[in-house]
N, C-alpha and C. Protein backbone atom coordinates (compact mmCIF):
# COMPACT_ATOMS: atom_id res chain seq x y z
N MET A 1 -42.08 77.06 -68.41
CA MET A 1 -43.60 76.37 -68.15
C MET A 1 -43.95 76.48 -66.65
N VAL A 2 -42.66 75.61 -65.98
CA VAL A 2 -43.07 75.49 -64.33
C VAL A 2 -43.02 76.72 -63.47
N ARG A 3 -42.34 77.74 -63.93
CA ARG A 3 -42.37 79.09 -62.77
C ARG A 3 -43.74 79.47 -63.52
N THR A 4 -43.83 79.17 -64.70
CA THR A 4 -45.27 80.28 -65.00
C THR A 4 -46.57 79.89 -64.63
N LEU A 5 -46.47 78.35 -64.80
CA LEU A 5 -47.51 77.88 -64.24
C LEU A 5 -47.50 77.96 -62.27
N ARG A 6 -46.48 77.56 -61.30
CA ARG A 6 -46.41 78.09 -60.21
C ARG A 6 -46.92 79.47 -59.85
N ALA A 7 -46.43 80.45 -60.49
CA ALA A 7 -46.75 81.69 -60.37
C ALA A 7 -47.97 82.46 -60.32
N GLU A 8 -48.63 82.12 -62.15
CA GLU A 8 -50.20 81.99 -62.34
C GLU A 8 -51.02 81.34 -61.80
N LEU A 9 -50.69 80.37 -61.50
CA LEU A 9 -51.61 79.25 -61.36
C LEU A 9 -51.88 78.86 -59.80
N GLY A 10 -50.48 78.37 -59.81
CA GLY A 10 -50.53 77.22 -58.75
C GLY A 10 -50.64 76.46 -58.93
N THR A 11 -50.58 75.28 -57.68
CA THR A 11 -49.99 73.76 -57.88
C THR A 11 -50.90 73.15 -57.04
N ASP A 12 -51.70 73.55 -56.53
CA ASP A 12 -53.34 72.78 -55.75
C ASP A 12 -54.21 72.53 -56.35
N HIS A 13 -55.08 71.79 -55.60
CA HIS A 13 -56.16 71.74 -56.55
C HIS A 13 -56.38 71.11 -58.18
N GLY A 14 -55.48 70.18 -58.20
CA GLY A 14 -55.72 69.34 -59.68
C GLY A 14 -54.80 70.56 -61.13
N THR A 15 -54.11 71.45 -60.43
CA THR A 15 -53.58 72.14 -61.66
C THR A 15 -52.78 71.87 -62.64
N VAL A 16 -51.58 71.15 -62.03
CA VAL A 16 -50.67 70.38 -62.41
C VAL A 16 -51.67 69.70 -63.67
N GLN A 17 -52.27 68.36 -63.11
CA GLN A 17 -53.52 67.61 -64.31
C GLN A 17 -53.37 67.95 -65.08
N ARG A 18 -54.59 69.64 -64.64
CA ARG A 18 -55.17 70.16 -66.36
C ARG A 18 -54.75 70.76 -67.22
N VAL A 19 -52.86 71.47 -66.69
CA VAL A 19 -52.13 72.21 -67.52
C VAL A 19 -51.26 70.83 -68.03
N ALA A 20 -51.02 69.90 -67.55
CA ALA A 20 -50.13 68.90 -68.19
C ALA A 20 -51.19 68.60 -69.40
N THR A 21 -52.26 68.07 -69.18
CA THR A 21 -53.25 67.50 -70.40
C THR A 21 -53.54 68.65 -70.81
N GLN A 22 -52.93 69.83 -71.39
CA GLN A 22 -53.58 71.01 -71.99
C GLN A 22 -52.38 70.86 -73.07
N LEU A 23 -51.27 70.43 -71.86
CA LEU A 23 -49.91 70.77 -72.74
C LEU A 23 -49.28 69.45 -73.55
N GLY A 24 -50.18 68.26 -73.12
CA GLY A 24 -49.94 66.72 -73.68
C GLY A 24 -48.77 66.73 -73.16
N TYR A 25 -48.56 66.96 -71.74
CA TYR A 25 -47.52 66.13 -71.33
C TYR A 25 -48.06 65.04 -69.86
N GLY A 26 -47.46 64.39 -69.30
CA GLY A 26 -48.09 63.13 -68.93
C GLY A 26 -47.69 64.34 -67.22
N THR A 27 -49.06 63.92 -66.06
CA THR A 27 -48.78 64.90 -64.95
C THR A 27 -48.29 64.24 -64.26
N GLU A 28 -47.21 63.63 -64.37
CA GLU A 28 -46.56 62.71 -63.38
C GLU A 28 -45.39 63.64 -64.01
N SER A 29 -44.85 64.00 -65.24
CA SER A 29 -43.67 64.15 -65.57
C SER A 29 -44.05 65.96 -64.85
N VAL A 30 -44.75 66.42 -65.10
CA VAL A 30 -45.02 68.00 -64.96
C VAL A 30 -44.86 67.83 -63.58
N ARG A 31 -45.32 67.23 -62.74
CA ARG A 31 -45.48 66.88 -61.16
C ARG A 31 -43.39 66.69 -61.25
N LEU A 32 -43.17 66.07 -61.35
CA LEU A 32 -41.70 66.17 -61.37
C LEU A 32 -40.74 67.16 -61.79
N TRP A 33 -41.36 68.27 -62.44
CA TRP A 33 -40.29 69.40 -62.83
C TRP A 33 -41.14 70.41 -62.03
N VAL A 34 -42.03 70.39 -61.22
CA VAL A 34 -42.10 71.59 -60.64
C VAL A 34 -41.51 71.23 -58.78
N ARG A 35 -41.79 69.54 -58.77
CA ARG A 35 -40.94 69.26 -57.47
C ARG A 35 -39.47 69.88 -57.67
N GLN A 36 -38.94 69.75 -59.62
CA GLN A 36 -37.41 70.05 -59.22
C GLN A 36 -36.75 71.35 -59.56
N ALA A 37 -38.21 71.99 -59.90
CA ALA A 37 -38.13 73.24 -59.73
C ALA A 37 -38.04 74.23 -58.40
N GLU A 38 -38.68 73.51 -57.64
CA GLU A 38 -38.74 73.83 -56.41
C GLU A 38 -37.65 73.86 -55.76
N ILE A 39 -36.82 72.67 -55.58
CA ILE A 39 -35.30 72.22 -55.12
C ILE A 39 -34.82 72.85 -55.81
N ASP A 40 -34.67 73.82 -57.02
CA ASP A 40 -33.47 74.55 -57.62
C ASP A 40 -33.62 75.75 -57.19
N ASP A 41 -34.78 76.74 -57.24
CA ASP A 41 -35.30 77.51 -55.96
C ASP A 41 -34.99 77.67 -54.60
N GLY A 42 -34.88 76.56 -54.03
CA GLY A 42 -34.51 76.59 -52.56
C GLY A 42 -36.08 76.49 -51.85
N ARG A 43 -36.83 76.20 -52.07
CA ARG A 43 -38.16 76.24 -51.54
C ARG A 43 -38.60 74.78 -51.02
N ALA A 44 -37.37 73.66 -51.60
CA ALA A 44 -37.50 72.47 -51.03
C ALA A 44 -36.13 71.95 -50.82
N SER A 45 -35.69 70.67 -50.04
CA SER A 45 -34.93 70.30 -49.77
C SER A 45 -34.55 68.80 -50.62
N GLY A 46 -33.14 68.56 -51.18
CA GLY A 46 -33.29 67.53 -52.36
C GLY A 46 -31.96 68.30 -53.24
N VAL A 47 -31.65 67.82 -54.15
CA VAL A 47 -30.56 67.49 -55.02
C VAL A 47 -30.71 68.73 -56.12
N SER A 48 -30.10 69.70 -56.07
CA SER A 48 -30.67 70.54 -57.33
C SER A 48 -29.91 70.03 -58.66
N SER A 49 -30.82 70.48 -59.75
CA SER A 49 -29.69 70.36 -60.95
C SER A 49 -28.93 70.10 -61.33
N SER A 50 -27.77 71.48 -60.86
CA SER A 50 -26.58 71.52 -60.88
C SER A 50 -26.05 70.94 -60.41
N GLU A 51 -26.40 70.23 -58.82
CA GLU A 51 -25.49 69.23 -58.13
C GLU A 51 -25.60 68.18 -59.08
N SER A 52 -26.89 67.99 -59.44
CA SER A 52 -26.95 66.42 -60.03
C SER A 52 -26.05 66.37 -61.39
N ALA A 53 -25.72 67.66 -62.33
CA ALA A 53 -25.36 67.46 -63.00
C ALA A 53 -23.57 67.12 -63.08
N ARG A 54 -23.01 67.77 -61.57
CA ARG A 54 -21.99 67.88 -61.65
C ARG A 54 -21.54 66.54 -60.84
N MET A 55 -23.05 66.08 -60.66
CA MET A 55 -22.37 64.57 -60.04
C MET A 55 -22.25 63.74 -60.90
N ARG A 56 -23.27 63.63 -62.31
CA ARG A 56 -22.66 63.01 -63.30
C ARG A 56 -21.58 62.60 -63.98
N GLU A 57 -20.96 64.37 -63.77
CA GLU A 57 -19.86 64.69 -64.89
C GLU A 57 -18.50 64.19 -63.78
N LEU A 58 -18.73 63.83 -62.46
CA LEU A 58 -17.74 63.51 -61.73
C LEU A 58 -17.63 61.95 -61.81
N GLU A 59 -19.10 61.49 -61.90
CA GLU A 59 -18.70 59.93 -61.98
C GLU A 59 -18.37 59.18 -63.20
N GLN A 60 -18.60 60.53 -64.31
CA GLN A 60 -17.95 59.74 -65.48
C GLN A 60 -16.91 60.27 -65.97
N GLU A 61 -15.58 61.05 -64.93
CA GLU A 61 -14.26 61.04 -64.78
C GLU A 61 -13.84 60.01 -64.02
N ASN A 62 -14.15 59.98 -63.41
CA ASN A 62 -14.20 58.56 -62.09
C ASN A 62 -14.05 57.55 -63.00
N ARG A 63 -14.94 56.78 -63.91
CA ARG A 63 -14.70 56.02 -64.61
C ARG A 63 -13.75 56.25 -65.72
N GLU A 64 -13.48 57.04 -66.31
CA GLU A 64 -12.52 57.25 -67.27
C GLU A 64 -10.96 57.34 -66.09
N LEU A 65 -10.99 57.44 -65.02
CA LEU A 65 -9.69 57.48 -64.43
C LEU A 65 -8.90 56.15 -64.12
N ARG A 66 -10.72 55.63 -63.47
CA ARG A 66 -10.07 54.24 -63.59
C ARG A 66 -9.87 52.64 -64.78
N ARG A 67 -10.53 53.56 -65.88
CA ARG A 67 -9.82 53.06 -67.08
C ARG A 67 -8.76 53.21 -67.33
N ALA A 68 -8.32 54.00 -67.22
CA ALA A 68 -6.95 54.24 -67.48
C ALA A 68 -5.57 53.84 -66.32
N ASN A 69 -5.88 53.78 -64.99
CA ASN A 69 -5.63 53.28 -64.30
C ASN A 69 -5.18 51.19 -64.72
N GLU A 70 -5.87 51.58 -64.67
CA GLU A 70 -6.01 49.40 -65.35
C GLU A 70 -5.16 49.47 -66.52
N ILE A 71 -5.26 50.38 -67.05
CA ILE A 71 -4.54 50.36 -69.00
C ILE A 71 -2.99 50.08 -68.38
N LEU A 72 -3.16 51.27 -67.52
CA LEU A 72 -1.22 51.42 -66.94
C LEU A 72 -1.12 50.61 -66.46
N LYS A 73 -1.91 49.52 -65.68
CA LYS A 73 -1.49 48.91 -64.47
C LYS A 73 -0.81 47.45 -65.30
N ARG A 74 -1.69 47.54 -66.36
CA ARG A 74 -1.33 45.76 -67.53
C ARG A 74 0.10 46.15 -68.41
N ALA A 75 -0.26 47.76 -68.60
CA ALA A 75 1.14 47.81 -69.04
C ALA A 75 2.46 47.66 -68.40
N ALA A 76 2.09 47.73 -66.94
CA ALA A 76 3.23 47.82 -66.36
C ALA A 76 3.66 46.80 -66.22
N SER A 77 2.69 45.44 -66.09
CA SER A 77 3.24 44.38 -65.69
C SER A 77 3.36 43.73 -66.81
N PHE A 78 3.05 43.96 -67.86
CA PHE A 78 3.66 44.00 -69.40
C PHE A 78 5.22 43.94 -69.59
N PHE A 79 5.12 45.18 -69.14
CA PHE A 79 7.09 45.56 -69.94
C PHE A 79 7.53 45.19 -68.64
N GLY A 80 6.85 44.74 -66.61
CA GLY A 80 7.92 44.22 -66.25
C GLY A 80 8.46 42.55 -66.34
N ALA A 81 7.60 42.05 -66.89
CA ALA A 81 7.93 40.77 -67.08
C ALA A 81 8.90 40.97 -68.37
N GLU A 82 8.55 41.96 -69.50
CA GLU A 82 10.01 41.95 -70.58
C GLU A 82 11.13 42.01 -70.07
N LEU A 83 11.40 42.91 -68.31
CA LEU A 83 12.43 43.54 -68.19
C LEU A 83 12.73 42.28 -67.70
N ASP A 84 11.95 41.01 -67.01
CA ASP A 84 12.66 40.10 -65.99
C ASP A 84 13.09 39.01 -66.95
N ARG A 85 12.41 38.56 -68.62
CA ARG A 85 12.82 37.93 -69.36
C ARG A 85 14.30 38.20 -69.49
N GLN A 86 14.30 39.77 -70.48
CA GLN A 86 15.57 40.47 -70.85
C GLN A 86 16.63 40.04 -69.34
N HIS A 87 16.49 40.20 -68.43
CA HIS A 87 17.13 39.79 -67.50
C HIS A 87 18.19 38.79 -67.19
N LYS A 88 16.97 37.90 -67.21
CA LYS A 88 17.49 36.19 -67.02
C LYS A 88 18.18 35.87 -67.92
N ARG A 89 18.24 36.69 -69.11
CA ARG A 89 19.30 36.06 -70.71
C ARG A 89 20.18 36.13 -70.24
């Protein structure tokens, strides 16, 4: 939709608002979609959709690794304390 809007109608002089109204979307939503399409096509600077998706994936992986690391730390502490108790007997 965005590429068609840009190619056939352009994005100047209220076109985005007219198209958004006709399709039942918010003007700002369509404007943001047009802006993101320009970034994805390399016409504007910013973070592309693929870069953004990769960043989300890496952040999720980082959270999971931190959780796993915390579990391993607690397990090591628990078993270390158990070994100390057994050794002192």
